[in-house]
PDB file of N, CA and C in Angstrom:
ATOM      1  N   MET A   1     200.352-158.948 -13.013  1.00  0.00           N
ATOM      2  CA  MET A   1     199.233-159.005 -12.114  1.00  0.00           C
ATOM      3  C   MET A   1     197.961-159.323 -12.897  1.00  0.00           C
ATOM      4  N   SER A   2     197.109-160.086 -12.256  1.00  0.00           N
ATOM      5  CA  SER A   2     195.862-160.443 -12.912  1.00  0.00           C
ATOM      6  C   SER A   2     194.836-159.330 -12.735  1.00  0.00           C
ATOM      7  N   LEU A   3     193.792-159.404 -13.536  1.00  0.00           N
ATOM      8  CA  LEU A   3     192.749-158.395 -13.495  1.00  0.00           C
ATOM      9  C   LEU A   3     191.996-158.424 -12.165  1.00  0.00           C
ATOM     10  N   LYS A   4     191.785-159.621 -11.621  1.00  0.00           N
ATOM     11  CA  LYS A   4     191.096-159.734 -10.341  1.00  0.00           C
ATOM     12  C   LYS A   4     191.897-159.083  -9.226  1.00  0.00           C
ATOM     13  N   ARG A   5     193.204-159.274  -9.253  1.00  0.00           N
ATOM     14  CA  ARG A   5     194.057-158.700  -8.218  1.00  0.00           C
ATOM     15  C   ARG A   5     194.082-157.171  -8.315  1.00  0.00           C
ATOM     16  N   ILE A   6     194.150-156.643  -9.522  1.00  0.00           N
ATOM     17  CA  ILE A   6     194.150-155.195  -9.719  1.00  0.00           C
ATOM     18  C   ILE A   6     192.821-154.603  -9.269  1.00  0.00           C
ATOM     19  N   THR A   7     191.721-155.277  -9.617  1.00  0.00           N
ATOM     20  CA  THR A   7     190.397-154.811  -9.206  1.00  0.00           C
ATOM     21  C   THR A   7     190.271-154.827  -7.684  1.00  0.00           C
ATOM     22  N   GLY A   8     190.769-155.870  -7.050  1.00  0.00           N
ATOM     23  CA  GLY A   8     190.726-155.959  -5.591  1.00  0.00           C
ATOM     24  C   GLY A   8     191.539-154.872  -4.932  1.00  0.00           C
ATOM     25  N   LEU A   9     192.719-154.597  -5.458  1.00  0.00           N
ATOM     26  CA  LEU A   9     193.555-153.539  -4.893  1.00  0.00           C
ATOM     27  C   LEU A   9     192.912-152.165  -5.076  1.00  0.00           C
ATOM     28  N   CYS A  10     192.312-151.918  -6.230  1.00  0.00           N
ATOM     29  CA  CYS A  10     191.622-150.647  -6.455  1.00  0.00           C
ATOM     30  C   CYS A  10     190.454-150.483  -5.487  1.00  0.00           C
ATOM     31  N   PHE A  11     189.729-151.567  -5.251  1.00  0.00           N
ATOM     32  CA  PHE A  11     188.614-151.532  -4.311  1.00  0.00           C
ATOM     33  C   PHE A  11     189.097-151.200  -2.901  1.00  0.00           C
ATOM     34  N   ILE A  12     190.193-151.799  -2.486  1.00  0.00           N
ATOM     35  CA  ILE A  12     190.750-151.533  -1.159  1.00  0.00           C
ATOM     36  C   ILE A  12     191.210-150.085  -1.044  1.00  0.00           C
ATOM     37  N   VAL A  13     191.848-149.565  -2.084  1.00  0.00           N
ATOM     38  CA  VAL A  13     192.304-148.172  -2.067  1.00  0.00           C
ATOM     39  C   VAL A  13     191.114-147.217  -1.976  1.00  0.00           C
ATOM     40  N   ILE A  14     190.050-147.505  -2.726  1.00  0.00           N
ATOM     41  CA  ILE A  14     188.856-146.662  -2.679  1.00  0.00           C
ATOM     42  C   ILE A  14     188.228-146.697  -1.290  1.00  0.00           C
ATOM     43  N   LEU A  15     188.137-147.875  -0.678  1.00  0.00           N
ATOM     44  CA  LEU A  15     187.604-147.983   0.672  1.00  0.00           C
ATOM     45  C   LEU A  15     188.452-147.217   1.677  1.00  0.00           C
ATOM     46  N   MET A  16     189.775-147.282   1.534  1.00  0.00           N
ATOM     47  CA  MET A  16     190.655-146.558   2.437  1.00  0.00           C
ATOM     48  C   MET A  16     190.470-145.053   2.280  1.00  0.00           C
ATOM     49  N   LEU A  17     190.333-144.573   1.047  1.00  0.00           N
ATOM     50  CA  LEU A  17     190.098-143.145   0.822  1.00  0.00           C
ATOM     51  C   LEU A  17     188.761-142.705   1.401  1.00  0.00           C
ATOM     52  N   LEU A  18     187.737-143.523   1.206  1.00  0.00           N
ATOM     53  CA  LEU A  18     186.424-143.200   1.757  1.00  0.00           C
ATOM     54  C   LEU A  18     186.464-143.161   3.282  1.00  0.00           C
ATOM     55  N   PHE A  19     187.136-144.114   3.888  1.00  0.00           N
ATOM     56  CA  PHE A  19     187.251-144.140   5.345  1.00  0.00           C
ATOM     57  C   PHE A  19     188.003-142.912   5.849  1.00  0.00           C
ATOM     58  N   SER A  20     189.055-142.524   5.163  1.00  0.00           N
ATOM     59  CA  SER A  20     189.812-141.357   5.609  1.00  0.00           C
ATOM     60  C   SER A  20     188.994-140.076   5.454  1.00  0.00           C
ATOM     61  N   LEU A  21     188.197-139.974   4.390  1.00  0.00           N
ATOM     62  CA  LEU A  21     187.350-138.795   4.223  1.00  0.00           C
ATOM     63  C   LEU A  21     186.287-138.720   5.310  1.00  0.00           C
ATOM     64  N   VAL A  22     185.710-139.856   5.649  1.00  0.00           N
ATOM     65  CA  VAL A  22     184.686-139.868   6.690  1.00  0.00           C
ATOM     66  C   VAL A  22     185.298-139.539   8.041  1.00  0.00           C
ATOM     67  N   SER A  23     186.477-140.079   8.314  1.00  0.00           N
ATOM     68  CA  SER A  23     187.097-139.815   9.613  1.00  0.00           C
ATOM     69  C   SER A  23     187.564-138.368   9.729  1.00  0.00           C
ATOM     70  N   ILE A  24     187.887-137.735   8.620  1.00  0.00           N
ATOM     71  CA  ILE A  24     188.274-136.326   8.654  1.00  0.00           C
ATOM     72  C   ILE A  24     187.047-135.440   8.794  1.00  0.00           C
ATOM     73  N   ALA A  25     185.964-135.795   8.101  1.00  0.00           N
ATOM     74  CA  ALA A  25     184.771-134.953   8.088  1.00  0.00           C
ATOM     75  C   ALA A  25     183.926-135.103   9.349  1.00  0.00           C
ATOM     76  N   ALA A  26     184.029-136.203  10.045  1.00  0.00           N
ATOM     77  CA  ALA A  26     183.182-136.444  11.214  1.00  0.00           C
ATOM     78  C   ALA A  26     183.353-135.386  12.307  1.00  0.00           C
ATOM     79  N   PRO A  27     184.566-134.990  12.686  1.00  0.00           N
ATOM     80  CA  PRO A  27     184.686-133.955  13.729  1.00  0.00           C
ATOM     81  C   PRO A  27     184.203-132.582  13.276  1.00  0.00           C
ATOM     82  N   LEU A  28     184.134-132.354  11.975  1.00  0.00           N
ATOM     83  CA  LEU A  28     183.717-131.048  11.477  1.00  0.00           C
ATOM     84  C   LEU A  28     182.201-130.876  11.494  1.00  0.00           C
ATOM     85  N   LEU A  29     181.461-131.968  11.544  1.00  0.00           N
ATOM     86  CA  LEU A  29     180.012-131.884  11.542  1.00  0.00           C
ATOM     87  C   LEU A  29     179.504-131.430  12.905  1.00  0.00           C
ATOM     88  N   PRO A  30     178.458-130.633  12.924  1.00  0.00           N
ATOM     89  CA  PRO A  30     177.910-130.212  14.216  1.00  0.00           C
ATOM     90  C   PRO A  30     177.233-131.390  14.908  1.00  0.00           C
ATOM     91  N   ALA A  31     177.392-131.455  16.202  1.00  0.00           N
ATOM     92  CA  ALA A  31     176.774-132.528  16.978  1.00  0.00           C
ATOM     93  C   ALA A  31     175.342-132.129  17.313  1.00  0.00           C
ATOM     94  N   THR A  32     174.405-132.877  16.791  1.00  0.00           N
ATOM     95  CA  THR A  32     172.996-132.618  17.086  1.00  0.00           C
ATOM     96  C   THR A  32     172.414-133.853  17.741  1.00  0.00           C
ATOM     97  N   ALA A  33     171.679-133.627  18.770  1.00  0.00           N
ATOM     98  CA  ALA A  33     171.046-134.734  19.478  1.00  0.00           C
ATOM     99  C   ALA A  33     169.651-134.937  18.901  1.00  0.00           C
ATOM    100  N   THR A  34     169.381-136.125  18.450  1.00  0.00           N
ATOM    101  CA  THR A  34     168.050-136.448  17.958  1.00  0.00           C
ATOM    102  C   THR A  34     167.379-137.365  18.963  1.00  0.00           C
ATOM    103  N   GLU A  35     166.179-137.024  19.298  1.00  0.00           N
ATOM    104  CA  GLU A  35     165.451-137.826  20.263  1.00  0.00           C
ATOM    105  C   GLU A  35     164.576-138.831  19.528  1.00  0.00           C
ATOM    106  N   PRO A  36     164.408-140.006  20.101  1.00  0.00           N
ATOM    107  CA  PRO A  36     163.553-140.998  19.442  1.00  0.00           C
ATOM    108  C   PRO A  36     162.099-140.541  19.445  1.00  0.00           C
ATOM    109  N   VAL A  37     161.397-140.934  18.397  1.00  0.00           N
ATOM    110  CA  VAL A  37     159.998-140.567  18.263  1.00  0.00           C
ATOM    111  C   VAL A  37     159.158-141.784  18.616  1.00  0.00           C
ATOM    112  N   ALA A  38     158.210-141.597  19.516  1.00  0.00           N
ATOM    113  CA  ALA A  38     157.324-142.689  19.892  1.00  0.00           C
ATOM    114  C   ALA A  38     156.373-142.984  18.739  1.00  0.00           C
ATOM    115  N   ILE A  39     155.926-144.236  18.651  1.00  0.00           N
ATOM    116  CA  ILE A  39     155.043-144.624  17.549  1.00  0.00           C
ATOM    117  C   ILE A  39     153.720-143.862  17.620  1.00  0.00           C
ATOM    118  N   PHE A  40     153.256-143.561  18.811  1.00  0.00           N
ATOM    119  CA  PHE A  40     152.008-142.794  18.949  1.00  0.00           C
ATOM    120  C   PHE A  40     152.178-141.385  18.397  1.00  0.00           C
ATOM    121  N   ASP A  41     153.306-140.747  18.682  1.00  0.00           N
ATOM    122  CA  ASP A  41     153.553-139.408  18.160  1.00  0.00           C
ATOM    123  C   ASP A  41     153.659-139.408  16.641  1.00  0.00           C
ATOM    124  N   LEU A  42     154.276-140.459  16.099  1.00  0.00           N
ATOM    125  CA  LEU A  42     154.383-140.575  14.648  1.00  0.00           C
ATOM    126  C   LEU A  42     153.001-140.753  14.025  1.00  0.00           C
ATOM    127  N   LEU A  43     152.189-141.625  14.604  1.00  0.00           N
ATOM    128  CA  LEU A  43     150.832-141.807  14.091  1.00  0.00           C
ATOM    129  C   LEU A  43     149.991-140.545  14.265  1.00  0.00           C
ATOM    130  N   ALA A  44     150.175-139.833  15.369  1.00  0.00           N
ATOM    131  CA  ALA A  44     149.430-138.593  15.591  1.00  0.00           C
ATOM    132  C   ALA A  44     149.783-137.558  14.535  1.00  0.00           C
ATOM    133  N   ALA A  45     151.027-137.535  14.110  1.00  0.00           N
ATOM    134  CA  ALA A  45     151.428-136.593  13.073  1.00  0.00           C
ATOM    135  C   ALA A  45     150.864-136.994  11.712  1.00  0.00           C
ATOM    136  N   LEU A  46     150.698-138.289  11.493  1.00  0.00           N
ATOM    137  CA  LEU A  46     150.211-138.763  10.195  1.00  0.00           C
ATOM    138  C   LEU A  46     148.694-138.721  10.074  1.00  0.00           C
ATOM    139  N   VAL A  47     147.977-139.187  11.085  1.00  0.00           N
ATOM    140  CA  VAL A  47     146.523-139.329  10.965  1.00  0.00           C
ATOM    141  C   VAL A  47     145.740-138.442  11.924  1.00  0.00           C
ATOM    142  N   GLY A  48     146.393-137.692  12.768  1.00  0.00           N
ATOM    143  CA  GLY A  48     145.710-136.855  13.743  1.00  0.00           C
ATOM    144  C   GLY A  48     145.701-137.528  15.099  1.00  0.00           C
ATOM    145  N   SER A  49     145.626-136.726  16.143  1.00  0.00           N
ATOM    146  CA  SER A  49     145.770-137.268  17.491  1.00  0.00           C
ATOM    147  C   SER A  49     144.585-138.127  17.912  1.00  0.00           C
ATOM    148  N   GLU A  50     143.386-137.828  17.428  1.00  0.00           N
ATOM    149  CA  GLU A  50     142.216-138.610  17.818  1.00  0.00           C
ATOM    150  C   GLU A  50     142.227-140.001  17.187  1.00  0.00           C
ATOM    151  N   ARG A  51     142.681-140.081  15.967  1.00  0.00           N
ATOM    152  CA  ARG A  51     142.675-141.365  15.264  1.00  0.00           C
ATOM    153  C   ARG A  51     143.916-142.187  15.539  1.00  0.00           C
ATOM    154  N   ALA A  52     144.928-141.588  16.145  1.00  0.00           N
ATOM    155  CA  ALA A  52     146.179-142.312  16.399  1.00  0.00           C
ATOM    156  C   ALA A  52     145.963-143.464  17.365  1.00  0.00           C
ATOM    157  N   ALA A  53     145.141-143.263  18.376  1.00  0.00           N
ATOM    158  CA  ALA A  53     144.849-144.340  19.328  1.00  0.00           C
ATOM    159  C   ALA A  53     144.118-145.485  18.642  1.00  0.00           C
ATOM    160  N   GLN A  54     143.215-145.154  17.732  1.00  0.00           N
ATOM    161  CA  GLN A  54     142.504-146.201  17.000  1.00  0.00           C
ATOM    162  C   GLN A  54     143.453-146.991  16.112  1.00  0.00           C
ATOM    163  N   TRP A  55     144.323-146.286  15.411  1.00  0.00           N
ATOM    164  CA  TRP A  55     145.290-146.954  14.548  1.00  0.00           C
ATOM    165  C   TRP A  55     146.228-147.838  15.366  1.00  0.00           C
ATOM    166  N   LEU A  56     146.696-147.325  16.489  1.00  0.00           N
ATOM    167  CA  LEU A  56     147.615-148.089  17.323  1.00  0.00           C
ATOM    168  C   LEU A  56     146.951-149.342  17.868  1.00  0.00           C
ATOM    169  N   SER A  57     145.698-149.236  18.264  1.00  0.00           N
ATOM    170  CA  SER A  57     145.005-150.427  18.754  1.00  0.00           C
ATOM    171  C   SER A  57     144.740-151.420  17.632  1.00  0.00           C
ATOM    172  N   MET A  58     144.473-150.945  16.421  1.00  0.00           N
ATOM    173  CA  MET A  58     144.264-151.859  15.292  1.00  0.00           C
ATOM    174  C   MET A  58     145.559-152.575  14.908  1.00  0.00           C
ATOM    175  N   ILE A  59     146.678-151.857  14.944  1.00  0.00           N
ATOM    176  CA  ILE A  59     147.968-152.488  14.652  1.00  0.00           C
ATOM    177  C   ILE A  59     148.267-153.569  15.695  1.00  0.00           C
ATOM    178  N   GLY A  60     148.018-153.253  16.954  1.00  0.00           N
ATOM    179  CA  GLY A  60     148.224-154.239  18.007  1.00  0.00           C
ATOM    180  C   GLY A  60     147.306-155.442  17.863  1.00  0.00           C
ATOM    181  N   LEU A  61     146.060-155.198  17.490  1.00  0.00           N
ATOM    182  CA  LEU A  61     145.111-156.295  17.304  1.00  0.00           C
ATOM    183  C   LEU A  61     145.518-157.200  16.148  1.00  0.00           C
ATOM    184  N   VAL A  62     145.959-156.611  15.045  1.00  0.00           N
ATOM    185  CA  VAL A  62     146.400-157.418  13.896  1.00  0.00           C
ATOM    186  C   VAL A  62     147.609-158.271  14.268  1.00  0.00           C
ATOM    187  N   CYS A  63     148.565-157.691  14.956  1.00  0.00           N
ATOM    188  CA  CYS A  63     149.745-158.460  15.372  1.00  0.00           C
ATOM    189  C   CYS A  63     149.359-159.569  16.348  1.00  0.00           C
ATOM    190  N   TYR A  64     148.435-159.296  17.258  1.00  0.00           N
ATOM    191  CA  TYR A  64     147.969-160.305  18.207  1.00  0.00           C
ATOM    192  C   TYR A  64     147.264-161.450  17.480  1.00  0.00           C
ATOM    193  N   LEU A  65     146.394-161.110  16.531  1.00  0.00           N
ATOM    194  CA  LEU A  65     145.677-162.147  15.785  1.00  0.00           C
ATOM    195  C   LEU A  65     146.616-162.972  14.906  1.00  0.00           C
ATOM    196  N   LEU A  66     147.595-162.325  14.305  1.00  0.00           N
ATOM    197  CA  LEU A  66     148.552-163.070  13.483  1.00  0.00           C
ATOM    198  C   LEU A  66     149.402-164.014  14.322  1.00  0.00           C
ATOM    199  N   THR A  67     149.683-163.624  15.548  1.00  0.00           N
ATOM    200  CA  THR A  67     150.432-164.504  16.435  1.00  0.00           C
ATOM    201  C   THR A  67     149.690-165.807  16.664  1.00  0.00           C
ATOM    202  N   HIS A  68     148.404-165.709  16.909  1.00  0.00           N
ATOM    203  CA  HIS A  68     147.619-166.909  17.169  1.00  0.00           C
ATOM    204  C   HIS A  68     147.244-167.641  15.893  1.00  0.00           C
ATOM    205  N   ALA A  69     146.976-166.910  14.822  1.00  0.00           N
ATOM    206  CA  ALA A  69     146.588-167.553  13.568  1.00  0.00           C
ATOM    207  C   ALA A  69     147.742-168.315  12.946  1.00  0.00           C
ATOM    208  N   SER A  70     148.957-167.832  13.092  1.00  0.00           N
ATOM    209  CA  SER A  70     150.093-168.527  12.470  1.00  0.00           C
ATOM    210  C   SER A  70     150.349-169.875  13.138  1.00  0.00           C
ATOM    211  N   ALA A  71     149.955-170.014  14.382  1.00  0.00           N
ATOM    212  CA  ALA A  71     150.114-171.304  15.055  1.00  0.00           C
ATOM    213  C   ALA A  71     149.008-172.283  14.672  1.00  0.00           C
ATOM    214  N   LEU A  72     147.861-171.766  14.238  1.00  0.00           N
ATOM    215  CA  LEU A  72     146.717-172.618  13.951  1.00  0.00           C
ATOM    216  C   LEU A  72     146.526-172.926  12.473  1.00  0.00           C
ATOM    217  N   LEU A  73     147.280-172.285  11.593  1.00  0.00           N
ATOM    218  CA  LEU A  73     147.127-172.533  10.158  1.00  0.00           C
ATOM    219  C   LEU A  73     147.542-173.960   9.810  1.00  0.00           C
ATOM    220  N   PRO A  74     146.743-174.648   8.984  1.00  0.00           N
ATOM    221  CA  PRO A  74     147.140-175.993   8.559  1.00  0.00           C
ATOM    222  C   PRO A  74     148.409-175.955   7.702  1.00  0.00           C
ATOM    223  N   GLU A  75     149.148-177.026   7.727  1.00  0.00           N
ATOM    224  CA  GLU A  75     150.427-177.098   7.012  1.00  0.00           C
ATOM    225  C   GLU A  75     150.242-176.937   5.501  1.00  0.00           C
ATOM    226  N   LYS A  76     149.164-177.496   4.943  1.00  0.00           N
ATOM    227  CA  LYS A  76     148.989-177.398   3.490  1.00  0.00           C
ATOM    228  C   LYS A  76     148.643-175.970   3.056  1.00  0.00           C
ATOM    229  N   TRP A  77     148.045-175.169   3.925  1.00  0.00           N
ATOM    230  CA  TRP A  77     147.822-173.758   3.599  1.00  0.00           C
ATOM    231  C   TRP A  77     149.133-172.992   3.601  1.00  0.00           C
ATOM    232  N   ILE A  78     149.986-173.320   4.534  1.00  0.00           N
ATOM    233  CA  ILE A  78     151.271-172.628   4.648  1.00  0.00           C
ATOM    234  C   ILE A  78     152.143-172.912   3.435  1.00  0.00           C
ATOM    235  N   THR A  79     152.113-174.138   2.927  1.00  0.00           N
ATOM    236  CA  THR A  79     152.940-174.478   1.769  1.00  0.00           C
ATOM    237  C   THR A  79     152.467-173.766   0.511  1.00  0.00           C
ATOM    238  N   LYS A  80     151.204-173.350   0.460  1.00  0.00           N
ATOM    239  CA  LYS A  80     150.681-172.652  -0.715  1.00  0.00           C
ATOM    240  C   LYS A  80     151.020-171.165  -0.712  1.00  0.00           C
ATOM    241  N   LEU A  81     151.369-170.631   0.438  1.00  0.00           N
ATOM    242  CA  LEU A  81     151.680-169.202   0.529  1.00  0.00           C
ATOM    243  C   LEU A  81     153.043-168.900  -0.084  1.00  0.00           C
ATOM    244  N   PRO A  82     153.178-167.750  -0.746  1.00  0.00           N
ATOM    245  CA  PRO A  82     154.509-167.339  -1.195  1.00  0.00           C
ATOM    246  C   PRO A  82     155.416-167.096   0.006  1.00  0.00           C
ATOM    247  N   ARG A  83     156.703-167.287  -0.203  1.00  0.00           N
ATOM    248  CA  ARG A  83     157.667-167.176   0.893  1.00  0.00           C
ATOM    249  C   ARG A  83     157.659-165.783   1.520  1.00  0.00           C
ATOM    250  N   TRP A  84     157.530-164.736   0.703  1.00  0.00           N
ATOM    251  CA  TRP A  84     157.564-163.376   1.245  1.00  0.00           C
ATOM    252  C   TRP A  84     156.334-163.100   2.099  1.00  0.00           C
ATOM    253  N   VAL A  85     155.174-163.673   1.738  1.00  0.00           N
ATOM    254  CA  VAL A  85     153.967-163.496   2.545  1.00  0.00           C
ATOM    255  C   VAL A  85     154.147-164.184   3.894  1.00  0.00           C
ATOM    256  N   LEU A  86     154.703-165.384   3.858  1.00  0.00           N
ATOM    257  CA  LEU A  86     154.926-166.123   5.097  1.00  0.00           C
ATOM    258  C   LEU A  86     155.907-165.391   6.008  1.00  0.00           C
ATOM    259  N   ARG A  87     156.961-164.858   5.436  1.00  0.00           N
ATOM    260  CA  ARG A  87     157.923-164.093   6.247  1.00  0.00           C
ATOM    261  C   ARG A  87     157.296-162.849   6.851  1.00  0.00           C
ATOM    262  N   PHE A  88     156.464-162.172   6.063  1.00  0.00           N
ATOM    263  CA  PHE A  88     155.801-160.961   6.555  1.00  0.00           C
ATOM    264  C   PHE A  88     154.858-161.300   7.706  1.00  0.00           C
ATOM    265  N   ILE A  89     154.072-162.356   7.549  1.00  0.00           N
ATOM    266  CA  ILE A  89     153.159-162.774   8.613  1.00  0.00           C
ATOM    267  C   ILE A  89     153.938-163.167   9.860  1.00  0.00           C
ATOM    268  N   GLU A  90     154.999-163.913   9.677  1.00  0.00           N
ATOM    269  CA  GLU A  90     155.798-164.341  10.824  1.00  0.00           C
ATOM    270  C   GLU A  90     156.456-163.148  11.517  1.00  0.00           C
ATOM    271  N   TYR A  91     156.881-162.155  10.740  1.00  0.00           N
ATOM    272  CA  TYR A  91     157.495-160.972  11.333  1.00  0.00           C
ATOM    273  C   TYR A  91     156.469-160.183  12.143  1.00  0.00           C
ATOM    274  N   LEU A  92     155.275-159.983  11.571  1.00  0.00           N
ATOM    275  CA  LEU A  92     154.241-159.255  12.299  1.00  0.00           C
ATOM    276  C   LEU A  92     153.781-160.010  13.533  1.00  0.00           C
ATOM    277  N   ALA A  93     153.830-161.335  13.467  1.00  0.00           N
ATOM    278  CA  ALA A  93     153.413-162.138  14.607  1.00  0.00           C
ATOM    279  C   ALA A  93     154.501-162.209  15.680  1.00  0.00           C
ATOM    280  N   GLY A  94     155.655-161.671  15.403  1.00  0.00           N
ATOM    281  CA  GLY A  94     156.738-161.694  16.389  1.00  0.00           C
ATOM    282  C   GLY A  94     157.568-162.958  16.323  1.00  0.00           C
ATOM    283  N   ASN A  95     157.436-163.713  15.245  1.00  0.00           N
ATOM    284  CA  ASN A  95     158.174-164.966  15.101  1.00  0.00           C
ATOM    285  C   ASN A  95     159.359-164.766  14.155  1.00  0.00           C
ATOM    286  N   TYR A  96     160.375-164.109  14.627  1.00  0.00           N
ATOM    287  CA  TYR A  96     161.577-163.958  13.840  1.00  0.00           C
ATOM    288  C   TYR A  96     162.766-164.275  14.726  1.00  0.00           C
ATOM    289  N   LYS A  97     163.898-164.481  14.097  1.00  0.00           N
ATOM    290  CA  LYS A  97     165.125-164.952  14.753  1.00  0.00           C
ATOM    291  C   LYS A  97     164.864-166.296  15.413  1.00  0.00           C
ATOM    292  N   GLY A  98     164.911-166.408  16.719  1.00  0.00           N
ATOM    293  CA  GLY A  98     164.761-167.694  17.377  1.00  0.00           C
ATOM    294  C   GLY A  98     163.361-168.001  17.858  1.00  0.00           C
ATOM    295  N   ALA A  99     162.453-167.048  17.810  1.00  0.00           N
ATOM    296  CA  ALA A  99     161.104-167.257  18.334  1.00  0.00           C
ATOM    297  C   ALA A  99     160.222-167.920  17.285  1.00  0.00           C
ATOM    298  N   LYS A 100     159.553-168.991  17.648  1.00  0.00           N
ATOM    299  CA  LYS A 100     158.627-169.698  16.768  1.00  0.00           C
ATOM    300  C   LYS A 100     157.418-170.139  17.572  1.00  0.00           C
ATOM    301  N   ASN A 101     156.287-170.324  16.889  1.00  0.00           N
ATOM    302  CA  ASN A 101     155.095-170.835  17.556  1.00  0.00           C
ATOM    303  C   ASN A 101     155.187-172.344  17.745  1.00  0.00           C
ATOM    304  N   GLU A 102     155.603-173.050  16.709  1.00  0.00           N
ATOM    305  CA  GLU A 102     155.774-174.491  16.779  1.00  0.00           C
ATOM    306  C   GLU A 102     157.127-174.835  16.189  1.00  0.00           C
ATOM    307  N   THR A 103     157.783-175.833  16.755  1.00  0.00           N
ATOM    308  CA  THR A 103     159.095-176.208  16.239  1.00  0.00           C
ATOM    309  C   THR A 103     159.030-177.382  15.283  1.00  0.00           C
ATOM    310  N   ASN A 104     157.887-178.054  15.167  1.00  0.00           N
ATOM    311  CA  ASN A 104     157.822-179.215  14.304  1.00  0.00           C
ATOM    312  C   ASN A 104     157.382-178.878  12.886  1.00  0.00           C
ATOM    313  N   ARG A 105     157.131-177.650  12.555  1.00  0.00           N
ATOM    314  CA  ARG A 105     156.768-177.273  11.191  1.00  0.00           C
ATOM    315  C   ARG A 105     158.029-177.034  10.371  1.00  0.00           C
ATOM    316  N   THR A 106     158.095-177.629   9.225  1.00  0.00           N
ATOM    317  CA  THR A 106     159.282-177.485   8.384  1.00  0.00           C
ATOM    318  C   THR A 106     159.329-176.119   7.735  1.00  0.00           C
ATOM    319  N   ASN A 107     158.181-175.582   7.335  1.00  0.00           N
ATOM    320  CA  ASN A 107     158.161-174.261   6.684  1.00  0.00           C
ATOM    321  C   ASN A 107     158.578-173.166   7.645  1.00  0.00           C
ATOM    322  N   HIS A 108     158.140-173.236   8.862  1.00  0.00           N
ATOM    323  CA  HIS A 108     158.493-172.202   9.847  1.00  0.00           C
ATOM    324  C   HIS A 108     159.958-172.276  10.209  1.00  0.00           C
ATOM    325  N   ASN A 109     160.526-173.475  10.250  1.00  0.00           N
ATOM    326  CA  ASN A 109     161.925-173.608  10.613  1.00  0.00           C
ATOM    327  C   ASN A 109     162.858-173.160   9.499  1.00  0.00           C
ATOM    328  N   ALA A 110     162.361-173.145   8.252  1.00  0.00           N
ATOM    329  CA  ALA A 110     163.197-172.736   7.124  1.00  0.00           C
ATOM    330  C   ALA A 110     163.405-171.236   7.080  1.00  0.00           C
ATOM    331  N   LEU A 111     162.610-170.471   7.818  1.00  0.00           N
ATOM    332  CA  LEU A 111     162.760-169.021   7.821  1.00  0.00           C
ATOM    333  C   LEU A 111     163.970-168.674   8.618  1.00  0.00           C
TER     334      LEU A 111
END
């Protein structure tokens, strides 16, 4: 047997053991219901209840402005931006997966 084949078989055996341990341990764990936390409640816990509304409105305003600014940025400015900055801006603007502001931009389509 080759080394690659032995390594692959060992990996499969380890995965099978891990799966069996998880499937055995899952019924033993107590079932606890966790409720989702609203973003306002999370911000209220972090910055206080009075400032949470201000923070939430600022986050919404930034996302709204990025949505419109990403459609109006010239192509040569976009090519100068690092890829991670462009992805972050596009994500905050709501332009991820299939949603785009313009379809004729090559940089936006490459994301």
